[in-house]
Amino acid sequence: MANLLLQVSSNLRTFALSASSNGSPPGAPQSGGPAILELPVDKIRRPLMRTRANDPQKVKELMDSISEIGLQVPIDVLEVDGVYYGFSGCHRYEAHQRLGLKTIRCKVRRGTKETLRHHLR
């Protein structure tokens, strides 16, 4: 299986990927699918956070798990014009915040302002 090295700006970590992020075989051309990045927690906007309450027990269980074995499933993030928006992974995001972790692993896909408006509806 091919290993890829993803270089990002200096304030983000370099993250190794195995195979392709779009499910195609290693070495197949990429079509601009999602990338896995380690992003600063404070750079991810959570526009729906005020409308949803997290289950405190689930957040506590995730905190314990993340402390013990790390984050197993990246959160999904939409990048629009260099700004990151998180619409899923609310419990994992809060667990990272409460643990004081500075970064979180994200599956990032690019979108347009129209895509963002669709998510905000």
PDB file of N, CA and C in Angstrom:
ATOM      1  N   MET A   1       0.855  -1.175   0.000  1.00  0.00           N
ATOM      2  CA  MET A   1       0.000   0.000   0.000  1.00  0.00           C
ATOM      3  C   MET A   1       0.897   1.233   0.000  1.00  0.00           C
ATOM      4  N   ALA A   2       0.604   2.181  -0.830  1.00  0.00           N
ATOM      5  CA  ALA A   2       1.420   3.384  -0.952  1.00  0.00           C
ATOM      6  C   ALA A   2       1.197   4.307   0.232  1.00  0.00           C
ATOM      7  N   ASN A   3       2.258   4.956   0.659  1.00  0.00           N
ATOM      8  CA  ASN A   3       2.153   5.974   1.696  1.00  0.00           C
ATOM      9  C   ASN A   3       2.365   7.325   1.056  1.00  0.00           C
ATOM     10  N   LEU A   4       1.508   8.259   1.364  1.00  0.00           N
ATOM     11  CA  LEU A   4       1.591   9.603   0.829  1.00  0.00           C
ATOM     12  C   LEU A   4       1.932  10.552   1.959  1.00  0.00           C
ATOM     13  N   LEU A   5       2.622  11.625   1.657  1.00  0.00           N
ATOM     14  CA  LEU A   5       2.936  12.637   2.645  1.00  0.00           C
ATOM     15  C   LEU A   5       2.249  13.913   2.225  1.00  0.00           C
ATOM     16  N   LEU A   6       1.423  14.450   3.103  1.00  0.00           N
ATOM     17  CA  LEU A   6       0.654  15.651   2.814  1.00  0.00           C
ATOM     18  C   LEU A   6       1.319  16.824   3.516  1.00  0.00           C
ATOM     19  N   GLN A   7       1.760  17.806   2.746  1.00  0.00           N
ATOM     20  CA  GLN A   7       2.391  18.997   3.305  1.00  0.00           C
ATOM     21  C   GLN A   7       1.349  20.100   3.372  1.00  0.00           C
ATOM     22  N   VAL A   8       1.253  20.754   4.510  1.00  0.00           N
ATOM     23  CA  VAL A   8       0.322  21.864   4.694  1.00  0.00           C
ATOM     24  C   VAL A   8       1.076  23.027   5.301  1.00  0.00           C
ATOM     25  N   SER A   9       0.400  24.136   5.479  1.00  0.00           N
ATOM     26  CA  SER A   9       1.079  25.323   5.989  1.00  0.00           C
ATOM     27  C   SER A   9       1.754  25.046   7.322  1.00  0.00           C
ATOM     28  N   SER A  10       2.678  25.911   7.714  1.00  0.00           N
ATOM     29  CA  SER A  10       3.531  25.668   8.869  1.00  0.00           C
ATOM     30  C   SER A  10       2.776  25.590  10.187  1.00  0.00           C
ATOM     31  N   ASN A  11       1.571  26.169  10.286  1.00  0.00           N
ATOM     32  CA  ASN A  11       0.854  26.087  11.549  1.00  0.00           C
ATOM     33  C   ASN A  11       0.002  24.819  11.647  1.00  0.00           C
ATOM     34  N   LEU A  12       0.023  23.978  10.617  1.00  0.00           N
ATOM     35  CA  LEU A  12      -0.671  22.701  10.641  1.00  0.00           C
ATOM     36  C   LEU A  12       0.365  21.593  10.583  1.00  0.00           C
ATOM     37  N   ARG A  13       0.031  20.440  11.096  1.00  0.00           N
ATOM     38  CA  ARG A  13       0.973  19.324  11.097  1.00  0.00           C
ATOM     39  C   ARG A  13       1.013  18.621   9.747  1.00  0.00           C
ATOM     40  N   THR A  14       2.133  17.996   9.460  1.00  0.00           N
ATOM     41  CA  THR A  14       2.233  17.100   8.317  1.00  0.00           C
ATOM     42  C   THR A  14       1.613  15.784   8.753  1.00  0.00           C
ATOM     43  N   PHE A  15       0.845  15.159   7.889  1.00  0.00           N
ATOM     44  CA  PHE A  15       0.123  13.954   8.251  1.00  0.00           C
ATOM     45  C   PHE A  15       0.300  12.929   7.151  1.00  0.00           C
ATOM     46  N   ALA A  16       0.688  11.721   7.510  1.00  0.00           N
ATOM     47  CA  ALA A  16       0.868  10.663   6.521  1.00  0.00           C
ATOM     48  C   ALA A  16      -0.463   9.982   6.243  1.00  0.00           C
ATOM     49  N   LEU A  17      -0.717   9.702   4.979  1.00  0.00           N
ATOM     50  CA  LEU A  17      -1.933   9.006   4.562  1.00  0.00           C
ATOM     51  C   LEU A  17      -1.543   7.679   3.949  1.00  0.00           C
ATOM     52  N   SER A  18      -2.334   6.664   4.193  1.00  0.00           N
ATOM     53  CA  SER A  18      -2.140   5.390   3.518  1.00  0.00           C
ATOM     54  C   SER A  18      -3.212   5.251   2.467  1.00  0.00           C
ATOM     55  N   ALA A  19      -2.823   4.795   1.301  1.00  0.00           N
ATOM     56  CA  ALA A  19      -3.728   4.657   0.153  1.00  0.00           C
ATOM     57  C   ALA A  19      -4.277   6.018  -0.230  1.00  0.00           C
ATOM     58  N   SER A  20      -5.384   6.040  -0.949  1.00  0.00           N
ATOM     59  CA  SER A  20      -5.944   7.306  -1.380  1.00  0.00           C
ATOM     60  C   SER A  20      -7.121   7.666  -0.498  1.00  0.00           C
ATOM     61  N   SER A  21      -7.447   8.953  -0.444  1.00  0.00           N
ATOM     62  CA  SER A  21      -8.542   9.392   0.414  1.00  0.00           C
ATOM     63  C   SER A  21      -9.896   9.222  -0.254  1.00  0.00           C
ATOM     64  N   ASN A  22      -9.923   8.869  -1.550  1.00  0.00           N
ATOM     65  CA  ASN A  22     -11.217   8.741  -2.217  1.00  0.00           C
ATOM     66  C   ASN A  22     -11.591   7.283  -2.491  1.00  0.00           C
ATOM     67  N   GLY A  23     -10.861   6.346  -1.900  1.00  0.00           N
ATOM     68  CA  GLY A  23     -11.195   4.939  -2.041  1.00  0.00           C
ATOM     69  C   GLY A  23     -10.621   4.272  -3.270  1.00  0.00           C
ATOM     70  N   SER A  24      -9.952   5.029  -4.149  1.00  0.00           N
ATOM     71  CA  SER A  24      -9.369   4.424  -5.338  1.00  0.00           C
ATOM     72  C   SER A  24      -8.062   3.736  -4.967  1.00  0.00           C
ATOM     73  N   PRO A  25      -7.606   2.811  -5.798  1.00  0.00           N
ATOM     74  CA  PRO A  25      -6.371   2.094  -5.484  1.00  0.00           C
ATOM     75  C   PRO A  25      -5.185   3.050  -5.405  1.00  0.00           C
ATOM     76  N   PRO A  26      -4.170   2.686  -4.599  1.00  0.00           N
ATOM     77  CA  PRO A  26      -2.974   3.529  -4.524  1.00  0.00           C
ATOM     78  C   PRO A  26      -2.391   3.760  -5.912  1.00  0.00           C
ATOM     79  N   GLY A  27      -1.967   4.990  -6.168  1.00  0.00           N
ATOM     80  CA  GLY A  27      -1.380   5.333  -7.443  1.00  0.00           C
ATOM     81  C   GLY A  27      -2.385   5.808  -8.468  1.00  0.00           C
ATOM     82  N   ALA A  28      -3.691   5.626  -8.188  1.00  0.00           N
ATOM     83  CA  ALA A  28      -4.718   6.100  -9.124  1.00  0.00           C
ATOM     84  C   ALA A  28      -4.815   7.619  -9.018  1.00  0.00           C
ATOM     85  N   PRO A  29      -5.152   8.300 -10.102  1.00  0.00           N
ATOM     86  CA  PRO A  29      -5.264   9.751 -10.058  1.00  0.00           C
ATOM     87  C   PRO A  29      -6.310  10.203  -9.040  1.00  0.00           C
ATOM     88  N   GLN A  30      -6.004  11.267  -8.309  1.00  0.00           N
ATOM     89  CA  GLN A  30      -6.912  11.825  -7.314  1.00  0.00           C
ATOM     90  C   GLN A  30      -7.864  12.799  -7.975  1.00  0.00           C
ATOM     91  N   SER A  31      -9.099  12.829  -7.491  1.00  0.00           N
ATOM     92  CA  SER A  31     -10.092  13.719  -8.076  1.00  0.00           C
ATOM     93  C   SER A  31     -10.458  14.849  -7.122  1.00  0.00           C
ATOM     94  N   GLY A  32      -9.576  15.220  -6.217  1.00  0.00           N
ATOM     95  CA  GLY A  32      -9.857  16.317  -5.304  1.00  0.00           C
ATOM     96  C   GLY A  32     -10.774  15.920  -4.162  1.00  0.00           C
ATOM     97  N   GLY A  33     -10.765  14.654  -3.765  1.00  0.00           N
ATOM     98  CA  GLY A  33     -11.592  14.182  -2.658  1.00  0.00           C
ATOM     99  C   GLY A  33     -11.094  14.710  -1.332  1.00  0.00           C
ATOM    100  N   PRO A  34     -11.707  14.274  -0.240  1.00  0.00           N
ATOM    101  CA  PRO A  34     -11.324  14.763   1.085  1.00  0.00           C
ATOM    102  C   PRO A  34      -9.880  14.393   1.433  1.00  0.00           C
ATOM    103  N   ALA A  35      -9.283  15.221   2.268  1.00  0.00           N
ATOM    104  CA  ALA A  35      -7.932  14.975   2.768  1.00  0.00           C
ATOM    105  C   ALA A  35      -8.009  14.858   4.285  1.00  0.00           C
ATOM    106  N   ILE A  36      -7.116  14.084   4.873  1.00  0.00           N
ATOM    107  CA  ILE A  36      -7.050  13.958   6.323  1.00  0.00           C
ATOM    108  C   ILE A  36      -5.965  14.919   6.812  1.00  0.00           C
ATOM    109  N   LEU A  37      -6.373  15.868   7.666  1.00  0.00           N
ATOM    110  CA  LEU A  37      -5.457  16.879   8.208  1.00  0.00           C
ATOM    111  C   LEU A  37      -5.607  16.971   9.710  1.00  0.00           C
ATOM    112  N   GLU A  38      -4.566  17.368  10.378  1.00  0.00           N
ATOM    113  CA  GLU A  38      -4.586  17.677  11.801  1.00  0.00           C
ATOM    114  C   GLU A  38      -4.739  19.196  11.886  1.00  0.00           C
ATOM    115  N   LEU A  39      -5.914  19.672  12.320  1.00  0.00           N
ATOM    116  CA  LEU A  39      -6.206  21.106  12.357  1.00  0.00           C
ATOM    117  C   LEU A  39      -6.259  21.619  13.795  1.00  0.00           C
ATOM    118  N   PRO A  40      -5.886  22.887  14.004  1.00  0.00           N
ATOM    119  CA  PRO A  40      -6.050  23.485  15.332  1.00  0.00           C
ATOM    120  C   PRO A  40      -7.534  23.533  15.704  1.00  0.00           C
ATOM    121  N   VAL A  41      -7.854  23.083  16.907  1.00  0.00           N
ATOM    122  CA  VAL A  41      -9.238  23.057  17.367  1.00  0.00           C
ATOM    123  C   VAL A  41      -9.855  24.451  17.294  1.00  0.00           C
ATOM    124  N   ASP A  42      -9.088  25.464  17.648  1.00  0.00           N
ATOM    125  CA  ASP A  42      -9.636  26.829  17.689  1.00  0.00           C
ATOM    126  C   ASP A  42      -9.803  27.460  16.308  1.00  0.00           C
ATOM    127  N   LYS A  43      -9.411  26.762  15.255  1.00  0.00           N
ATOM    128  CA  LYS A  43      -9.599  27.273  13.886  1.00  0.00           C
ATOM    129  C   LYS A  43     -10.832  26.682  13.212  1.00  0.00           C
ATOM    130  N   ILE A  44     -11.563  25.824  13.922  1.00  0.00           N
ATOM    131  CA  ILE A  44     -12.753  25.191  13.356  1.00  0.00           C
ATOM    132  C   ILE A  44     -13.981  25.890  13.915  1.00  0.00           C
ATOM    133  N   ARG A  45     -14.756  26.471  13.035  1.00  0.00           N
ATOM    134  CA  ARG A  45     -15.995  27.132  13.446  1.00  0.00           C
ATOM    135  C   ARG A  45     -17.101  26.093  13.568  1.00  0.00           C
ATOM    136  N   ARG A  46     -17.919  26.250  14.586  1.00  0.00           N
ATOM    137  CA  ARG A  46     -19.033  25.329  14.844  1.00  0.00           C
ATOM    138  C   ARG A  46     -20.339  26.118  14.797  1.00  0.00           C
ATOM    139  N   PRO A  47     -20.858  26.431  13.610  1.00  0.00           N
ATOM    140  CA  PRO A  47     -22.014  27.320  13.499  1.00  0.00           C
ATOM    141  C   PRO A  47     -23.302  26.779  14.097  1.00  0.00           C
ATOM    142  N   LEU A  48     -23.434  25.489  14.277  1.00  0.00           N
ATOM    143  CA  LEU A  48     -24.669  24.925  14.827  1.00  0.00           C
ATOM    144  C   LEU A  48     -24.546  24.576  16.306  1.00  0.00           C
ATOM    145  N   MET A  49     -23.420  24.923  16.929  1.00  0.00           N
ATOM    146  CA  MET A  49     -23.166  24.535  18.316  1.00  0.00           C
ATOM    147  C   MET A  49     -24.245  25.047  19.276  1.00  0.00           C
ATOM    148  N   ARG A  50     -24.753  26.232  19.039  1.00  0.00           N
ATOM    149  CA  ARG A  50     -25.753  26.804  19.952  1.00  0.00           C
ATOM    150  C   ARG A  50     -27.108  26.121  19.846  1.00  0.00           C
ATOM    151  N   THR A  51     -27.360  25.407  18.766  1.00  0.00           N
ATOM    152  CA  THR A  51     -28.672  24.796  18.562  1.00  0.00           C
ATOM    153  C   THR A  51     -28.723  23.339  19.002  1.00  0.00           C
ATOM    154  N   ARG A  52     -27.594  22.781  19.375  1.00  0.00           N
ATOM    155  CA  ARG A  52     -27.543  21.368  19.753  1.00  0.00           C
ATOM    156  C   ARG A  52     -26.807  21.217  21.074  1.00  0.00           C
ATOM    157  N   ALA A  53     -27.304  20.322  21.923  1.00  0.00           N
ATOM    158  CA  ALA A  53     -26.619  20.016  23.183  1.00  0.00           C
ATOM    159  C   ALA A  53     -25.986  18.634  23.074  1.00  0.00           C
ATOM    160  N   ASN A  54     -24.756  18.521  23.532  1.00  0.00           N
ATOM    161  CA  ASN A  54     -24.077  17.232  23.537  1.00  0.00           C
ATOM    162  C   ASN A  54     -24.466  16.441  24.776  1.00  0.00           C
ATOM    163  N   ASP A  55     -24.425  15.125  24.659  1.00  0.00           N
ATOM    164  CA  ASP A  55     -24.664  14.218  25.775  1.00  0.00           C
ATOM    165  C   ASP A  55     -23.401  14.197  26.640  1.00  0.00           C
ATOM    166  N   PRO A  56     -23.477  14.717  27.879  1.00  0.00           N
ATOM    167  CA  PRO A  56     -22.273  14.788  28.731  1.00  0.00           C
ATOM    168  C   PRO A  56     -21.629  13.427  28.971  1.00  0.00           C
ATOM    169  N   GLN A  57     -22.419  12.368  29.090  1.00  0.00           N
ATOM    170  CA  GLN A  57     -21.864  11.031  29.317  1.00  0.00           C
ATOM    171  C   GLN A  57     -21.065  10.559  28.104  1.00  0.00           C
ATOM    172  N   LYS A  58     -21.586  10.828  26.922  1.00  0.00           N
ATOM    173  CA  LYS A  58     -20.873  10.441  25.698  1.00  0.00           C
ATOM    174  C   LYS A  58     -19.562  11.215  25.566  1.00  0.00           C
ATOM    175  N   VAL A  59     -19.589  12.516  25.904  1.00  0.00           N
ATOM    176  CA  VAL A  59     -18.364  13.322  25.861  1.00  0.00           C
ATOM    177  C   VAL A  59     -17.334  12.760  26.842  1.00  0.00           C
ATOM    178  N   LYS A  60     -17.764  12.388  28.049  1.00  0.00           N
ATOM    179  CA  LYS A  60     -16.856  11.827  29.069  1.00  0.00           C
ATOM    180  C   LYS A  60     -16.248  10.514  28.577  1.00  0.00           C
ATOM    181  N   GLU A  61     -17.081   9.649  27.989  1.00  0.00           N
ATOM    182  CA  GLU A  61     -16.576   8.374  27.459  1.00  0.00           C
ATOM    183  C   GLU A  61     -15.561   8.601  26.347  1.00  0.00           C
ATOM    184  N   LEU A  62     -15.830   9.576  25.486  1.00  0.00           N
ATOM    185  CA  LEU A  62     -14.885   9.898  24.415  1.00  0.00           C
ATOM    186  C   LEU A  62     -13.590  10.480  24.972  1.00  0.00           C
ATOM    187  N   MET A  63     -13.699  11.305  25.995  1.00  0.00           N
ATOM    188  CA  MET A  63     -12.490  11.852  26.630  1.00  0.00           C
ATOM    189  C   MET A  63     -11.611  10.723  27.151  1.00  0.00           C
ATOM    190  N   ASP A  64     -12.223   9.754  27.818  1.00  0.00           N
ATOM    191  CA  ASP A  64     -11.467   8.606  28.338  1.00  0.00           C
ATOM    192  C   ASP A  64     -10.810   7.828  27.201  1.00  0.00           C
ATOM    193  N   SER A  65     -11.579   7.575  26.128  1.00  0.00           N
ATOM    194  CA  SER A  65     -11.070   6.813  24.997  1.00  0.00           C
ATOM    195  C   SER A  65      -9.941   7.568  24.284  1.00  0.00           C
ATOM    196  N   ILE A  66     -10.153   8.849  24.038  1.00  0.00           N
ATOM    197  CA  ILE A  66      -9.138   9.648  23.341  1.00  0.00           C
ATOM    198  C   ILE A  66      -7.864   9.721  24.169  1.00  0.00           C
ATOM    199  N   SER A  67      -7.998   9.852  25.485  1.00  0.00           N
ATOM    200  CA  SER A  67      -6.820   9.886  26.366  1.00  0.00           C
ATOM    201  C   SER A  67      -6.050   8.574  26.306  1.00  0.00           C
ATOM    202  N   GLU A  68      -6.791   7.472  26.197  1.00  0.00           N
ATOM    203  CA  GLU A  68      -6.171   6.157  26.226  1.00  0.00           C
ATOM    204  C   GLU A  68      -5.606   5.731  24.876  1.00  0.00           C
ATOM    205  N   ILE A  69      -6.407   5.867  23.802  1.00  0.00           N
ATOM    206  CA  ILE A  69      -5.974   5.320  22.505  1.00  0.00           C
ATOM    207  C   ILE A  69      -5.968   6.342  21.370  1.00  0.00           C
ATOM    208  N   GLY A  70      -6.340   7.587  21.657  1.00  0.00           N
ATOM    209  CA  GLY A  70      -6.357   8.607  20.612  1.00  0.00           C
ATOM    210  C   GLY A  70      -7.669   8.596  19.843  1.00  0.00           C
ATOM    211  N   LEU A  71      -7.842   9.603  19.012  1.00  0.00           N
ATOM    212  CA  LEU A  71      -9.045   9.718  18.189  1.00  0.00           C
ATOM    213  C   LEU A  71      -9.002   8.666  17.088  1.00  0.00           C
ATOM    214  N   GLN A  72     -10.044   7.850  17.001  1.00  0.00           N
ATOM    215  CA  GLN A  72     -10.072   6.765  16.021  1.00  0.00           C
ATOM    216  C   GLN A  72     -10.735   7.163  14.706  1.00  0.00           C
ATOM    217  N   VAL A  73     -11.693   8.095  14.753  1.00  0.00           N
ATOM    218  CA  VAL A  73     -12.421   8.508  13.553  1.00  0.00           C
ATOM    219  C   VAL A  73     -12.329  10.029  13.433  1.00  0.00           C
ATOM    220  N   PRO A  74     -11.746  10.539  12.356  1.00  0.00           N
ATOM    221  CA  PRO A  74     -11.634  12.001  12.202  1.00  0.00           C
ATOM    222  C   PRO A  74     -13.015  12.654  12.103  1.00  0.00           C
ATOM    223  N   ILE A  75     -13.103  13.919  12.503  1.00  0.00           N
ATOM    224  CA  ILE A  75     -14.352  14.651  12.324  1.00  0.00           C
ATOM    225  C   ILE A  75     -14.411  15.159  10.885  1.00  0.00           C
ATOM    226  N   ASP A  76     -15.604  15.403  10.394  1.00  0.00           N
ATOM    227  CA  ASP A  76     -15.789  15.938   9.049  1.00  0.00           C
ATOM    228  C   ASP A  76     -15.800  17.461   9.106  1.00  0.00           C
ATOM    229  N   VAL A  77     -15.008  18.082   8.229  1.00  0.00           N
ATOM    230  CA  VAL A  77     -14.888  19.538   8.193  1.00  0.00           C
ATOM    231  C   VAL A  77     -15.038  20.004   6.749  1.00  0.00           C
ATOM    232  N   LEU A  78     -15.754  21.100   6.588  1.00  0.00           N
ATOM    233  CA  LEU A  78     -15.920  21.738   5.286  1.00  0.00           C
ATOM    234  C   LEU A  78     -15.038  22.975   5.250  1.00  0.00           C
ATOM    235  N   GLU A  79     -14.189  23.093   4.232  1.00  0.00           N
ATOM    236  CA  GLU A  79     -13.315  24.269   4.074  1.00  0.00           C
ATOM    237  C   GLU A  79     -13.879  25.131   2.957  1.00  0.00           C
ATOM    238  N   VAL A  80     -14.208  26.370   3.298  1.00  0.00           N
ATOM    239  CA  VAL A  80     -14.722  27.333   2.325  1.00  0.00           C
ATOM    240  C   VAL A  80     -13.856  28.583   2.411  1.00  0.00           C
ATOM    241  N   ASP A  81     -13.170  28.896   1.339  1.00  0.00           N
ATOM    242  CA  ASP A  81     -12.312  30.085   1.270  1.00  0.00           C
ATOM    243  C   ASP A  81     -11.338  30.181   2.443  1.00  0.00           C
ATOM    244  N   GLY A  82     -10.730  29.063   2.804  1.00  0.00           N
ATOM    245  CA  GLY A  82      -9.716  29.039   3.853  1.00  0.00           C
ATOM    246  C   GLY A  82     -10.259  29.020   5.275  1.00  0.00           C
ATOM    247  N   VAL A  83     -11.570  28.941   5.440  1.00  0.00           N
ATOM    248  CA  VAL A  83     -12.189  28.876   6.767  1.00  0.00           C
ATOM    249  C   VAL A  83     -12.774  27.478   6.936  1.00  0.00           C
ATOM    250  N   TYR A  84     -12.547  26.872   8.123  1.00  0.00           N
ATOM    251  CA  TYR A  84     -12.992  25.513   8.386  1.00  0.00           C
ATOM    252  C   TYR A  84     -14.276  25.523   9.211  1.00  0.00           C
ATOM    253  N   TYR A  85     -15.271  24.735   8.768  1.00  0.00           N
ATOM    254  CA  TYR A  85     -16.564  24.637   9.435  1.00  0.00           C
ATOM    255  C   TYR A  85     -16.821  23.177   9.787  1.00  0.00           C
ATOM    256  N   GLY A  86     -17.150  22.930  11.043  1.00  0.00           N
ATOM    257  CA  GLY A  86     -17.479  21.584  11.488  1.00  0.00           C
ATOM    258  C   GLY A  86     -18.968  21.441  11.713  1.00  0.00           C
ATOM    259  N   PHE A  87     -19.565  20.435  11.078  1.00  0.00           N
ATOM    260  CA  PHE A  87     -20.997  20.192  11.226  1.00  0.00           C
ATOM    261  C   PHE A  87     -21.284  18.823  11.825  1.00  0.00           C
ATOM    262  N   SER A  88     -20.289  17.989  11.957  1.00  0.00           N
ATOM    263  CA  SER A  88     -20.474  16.678  12.585  1.00  0.00           C
ATOM    264  C   SER A  88     -19.299  16.449  13.528  1.00  0.00           C
ATOM    265  N   GLY A  89     -19.363  15.396  14.315  1.00  0.00           N
ATOM    266  CA  GLY A  89     -18.292  15.120  15.265  1.00  0.00           C
ATOM    267  C   GLY A  89     -18.338  16.018  16.489  1.00  0.00           C
ATOM    268  N   CYS A  90     -19.544  16.467  16.853  1.00  0.00           N
ATOM    269  CA  CYS A  90     -19.695  17.419  17.962  1.00  0.00           C
ATOM    270  C   CYS A  90     -19.150  16.878  19.282  1.00  0.00           C
ATOM    271  N   HIS A  91     -19.425  15.614  19.573  1.00  0.00           N
ATOM    272  CA  HIS A  91     -18.958  15.026  20.830  1.00  0.00           C
ATOM    273  C   HIS A  91     -17.431  14.866  20.822  1.00  0.00           C
ATOM    274  N   ARG A  92     -16.873  14.441  19.684  1.00  0.00           N
ATOM    275  CA  ARG A  92     -15.409  14.298  19.585  1.00  0.00           C
ATOM    276  C   ARG A  92     -14.727  15.656  19.695  1.00  0.00           C
ATOM    277  N   TYR A  93     -15.314  16.676  19.070  1.00  0.00           N
ATOM    278  CA  TYR A  93     -14.777  18.036  19.125  1.00  0.00           C
ATOM    279  C   TYR A  93     -14.780  18.543  20.577  1.00  0.00           C
ATOM    280  N   GLU A  94     -15.920  18.392  21.276  1.00  0.00           N
ATOM    281  CA  GLU A  94     -15.997  18.856  22.669  1.00  0.00           C
ATOM    282  C   GLU A  94     -15.030  18.086  23.560  1.00  0.00           C
ATOM    283  N   ALA A  95     -14.883  16.779  23.320  1.00  0.00           N
ATOM    284  CA  ALA A  95     -13.932  15.986  24.100  1.00  0.00           C
ATOM    285  C   ALA A  95     -12.516  16.532  23.931  1.00  0.00           C
ATOM    286  N   HIS A  96     -12.138  16.888  22.711  1.00  0.00           N
ATOM    287  CA  HIS A  96     -10.814  17.468  22.478  1.00  0.00           C
ATOM    288  C   HIS A  96     -10.666  18.798  23.215  1.00  0.00           C
ATOM    289  N   GLN A  97     -11.704  19.630  23.154  1.00  0.00           N
ATOM    290  CA  GLN A  97     -11.659  20.912  23.860  1.00  0.00           C
ATOM    291  C   GLN A  97     -11.472  20.706  25.356  1.00  0.00           C
ATOM    292  N   ARG A  98     -12.279  19.838  25.937  1.00  0.00           N
ATOM    293  CA  ARG A  98     -12.235  19.631  27.383  1.00  0.00           C
ATOM    294  C   ARG A  98     -10.933  18.988  27.840  1.00  0.00           C
ATOM    295  N   LEU A  99     -10.306  18.211  26.972  1.00  0.00           N
ATOM    296  CA  LEU A  99      -9.000  17.624  27.281  1.00  0.00           C
ATOM    297  C   LEU A  99      -7.860  18.630  27.111  1.00  0.00           C
ATOM    298  N   GLY A 100      -8.166  19.782  26.524  1.00  0.00           N
ATOM    299  CA  GLY A 100      -7.140  20.792  26.296  1.00  0.00           C
ATOM    300  C   GLY A 100      -6.225  20.478  25.125  1.00  0.00           C
ATOM    301  N   LEU A 101      -6.675  19.609  24.223  1.00  0.00           N
ATOM    302  CA  LEU A 101      -5.864  19.272  23.056  1.00  0.00           C
ATOM    303  C   LEU A 101      -5.919  20.421  22.057  1.00  0.00           C
ATOM    304  N   LYS A 102      -4.800  20.728  21.463  1.00  0.00           N
ATOM    305  CA  LYS A 102      -4.698  21.882  20.561  1.00  0.00           C
ATOM    306  C   LYS A 102      -5.132  21.573  19.140  1.00  0.00           C
ATOM    307  N   THR A 103      -5.066  20.287  18.736  1.00  0.00           N
ATOM    308  CA  THR A 103      -5.414  19.919  17.362  1.00  0.00           C
ATOM    309  C   THR A 103      -6.361  18.724  17.371  1.00  0.00           C
ATOM    310  N   ILE A 104      -7.021  18.525  16.232  1.00  0.00           N
ATOM    311  CA  ILE A 104      -7.917  17.385  16.053  1.00  0.00           C
ATOM    312  C   ILE A 104      -7.789  16.900  14.611  1.00  0.00           C
ATOM    313  N   ARG A 105      -7.827  15.589  14.436  1.00  0.00           N
ATOM    314  CA  ARG A 105      -7.728  15.007  13.093  1.00  0.00           C
ATOM    315  C   ARG A 105      -9.073  15.177  12.392  1.00  0.00           C
ATOM    316  N   CYS A 106      -9.016  15.683  11.158  1.00  0.00           N
ATOM    317  CA  CYS A 106     -10.230  16.025  10.400  1.00  0.00           C
ATOM    318  C   CYS A 106     -10.171  15.457   8.993  1.00  0.00           C
ATOM    319  N   LYS A 107     -11.337  15.057   8.508  1.00  0.00           N
ATOM    320  CA  LYS A 107     -11.492  14.733   7.089  1.00  0.00           C
ATOM    321  C   LYS A 107     -12.032  16.014   6.456  1.00  0.00           C
ATOM    322  N   VAL A 108     -11.194  16.673   5.677  1.00  0.00           N
ATOM    323  CA  VAL A 108     -11.524  17.990   5.136  1.00  0.00           C
ATOM    324  C   VAL A 108     -11.911  17.871   3.669  1.00  0.00           C
ATOM    325  N   ARG A 109     -13.042  18.449   3.337  1.00  0.00           N
ATOM    326  CA  ARG A 109     -13.423  18.564   1.931  1.00  0.00           C
ATOM    327  C   ARG A 109     -13.685  20.032   1.639  1.00  0.00           C
ATOM    328  N   ARG A 110     -13.385  20.431   0.428  1.00  0.00           N
ATOM    329  CA  ARG A 110     -13.592  21.822   0.021  1.00  0.00           C
ATOM    330  C   ARG A 110     -15.010  22.011  -0.474  1.00  0.00           C
ATOM    331  N   GLY A 111     -15.533  23.204  -0.241  1.00  0.00           N
ATOM    332  CA  GLY A 111     -16.871  23.523  -0.696  1.00  0.00           C
ATOM    333  C   GLY A 111     -16.970  24.984  -1.079  1.00  0.00           C
ATOM    334  N   THR A 112     -18.094  25.322  -1.637  1.00  0.00           N
ATOM    335  CA  THR A 112     -18.354  26.698  -2.034  1.00  0.00           C
ATOM    336  C   THR A 112     -19.230  27.361  -0.974  1.00  0.00           C
ATOM    337  N   LYS A 113     -19.431  28.663  -1.124  1.00  0.00           N
ATOM    338  CA  LYS A 113     -20.321  29.369  -0.212  1.00  0.00           C
ATOM    339  C   LYS A 113     -21.730  28.810  -0.308  1.00  0.00           C
ATOM    340  N   GLU A 114     -22.119  28.365  -1.480  1.00  0.00           N
ATOM    341  CA  GLU A 114     -23.440  27.747  -1.645  1.00  0.00           C
ATOM    342  C   GLU A 114     -23.535  26.449  -0.841  1.00  0.00           C
ATOM    343  N   THR A 115     -22.481  25.651  -0.853  1.00  0.00           N
ATOM    344  CA  THR A 115     -22.455  24.434  -0.050  1.00  0.00           C
ATOM    345  C   THR A 115     -22.593  24.768   1.432  1.00  0.00           C
ATOM    346  N   LEU A 116     -21.902  25.805   1.864  1.00  0.00           N
ATOM    347  CA  LEU A 116     -21.998  26.252   3.258  1.00  0.00           C
ATOM    348  C   LEU A 116     -23.421  26.673   3.598  1.00  0.00           C
ATOM    349  N   ARG A 117     -24.042  27.447   2.731  1.00  0.00           N
ATOM    350  CA  ARG A 117     -25.431  27.879   2.966  1.00  0.00           C
ATOM    351  C   ARG A 117     -26.356  26.671   3.088  1.00  0.00           C
ATOM    352  N   HIS A 118     -26.127  25.665   2.265  1.00  0.00           N
ATOM    353  CA  HIS A 118     -26.939  24.440   2.321  1.00  0.00           C
ATOM    354  C   HIS A 118     -26.810  23.763   3.694  1.00  0.00           C
ATOM    355  N   HIS A 119     -25.603  23.699   4.235  1.00  0.00           N
ATOM    356  CA  HIS A 119     -25.376  23.085   5.553  1.00  0.00           C
ATOM    357  C   HIS A 119     -26.006  23.907   6.672  1.00  0.00           C
ATOM    358  N   LEU A 120     -26.122  25.199   6.487  1.00  0.00           N
ATOM    359  CA  LEU A 120     -26.666  26.069   7.531  1.00  0.00           C
ATOM    360  C   LEU A 120     -28.192  26.072   7.559  1.00  0.00           C
ATOM    361  N   ARG A 121     -28.833  25.535   6.539  1.00  0.00           N
ATOM    362  CA  ARG A 121     -30.314  25.505   6.503  1.00  0.00           C
ATOM    363  C   ARG A 121     -30.882  24.539   7.502  1.00  0.00           C
TER     364      ARG A 121
END
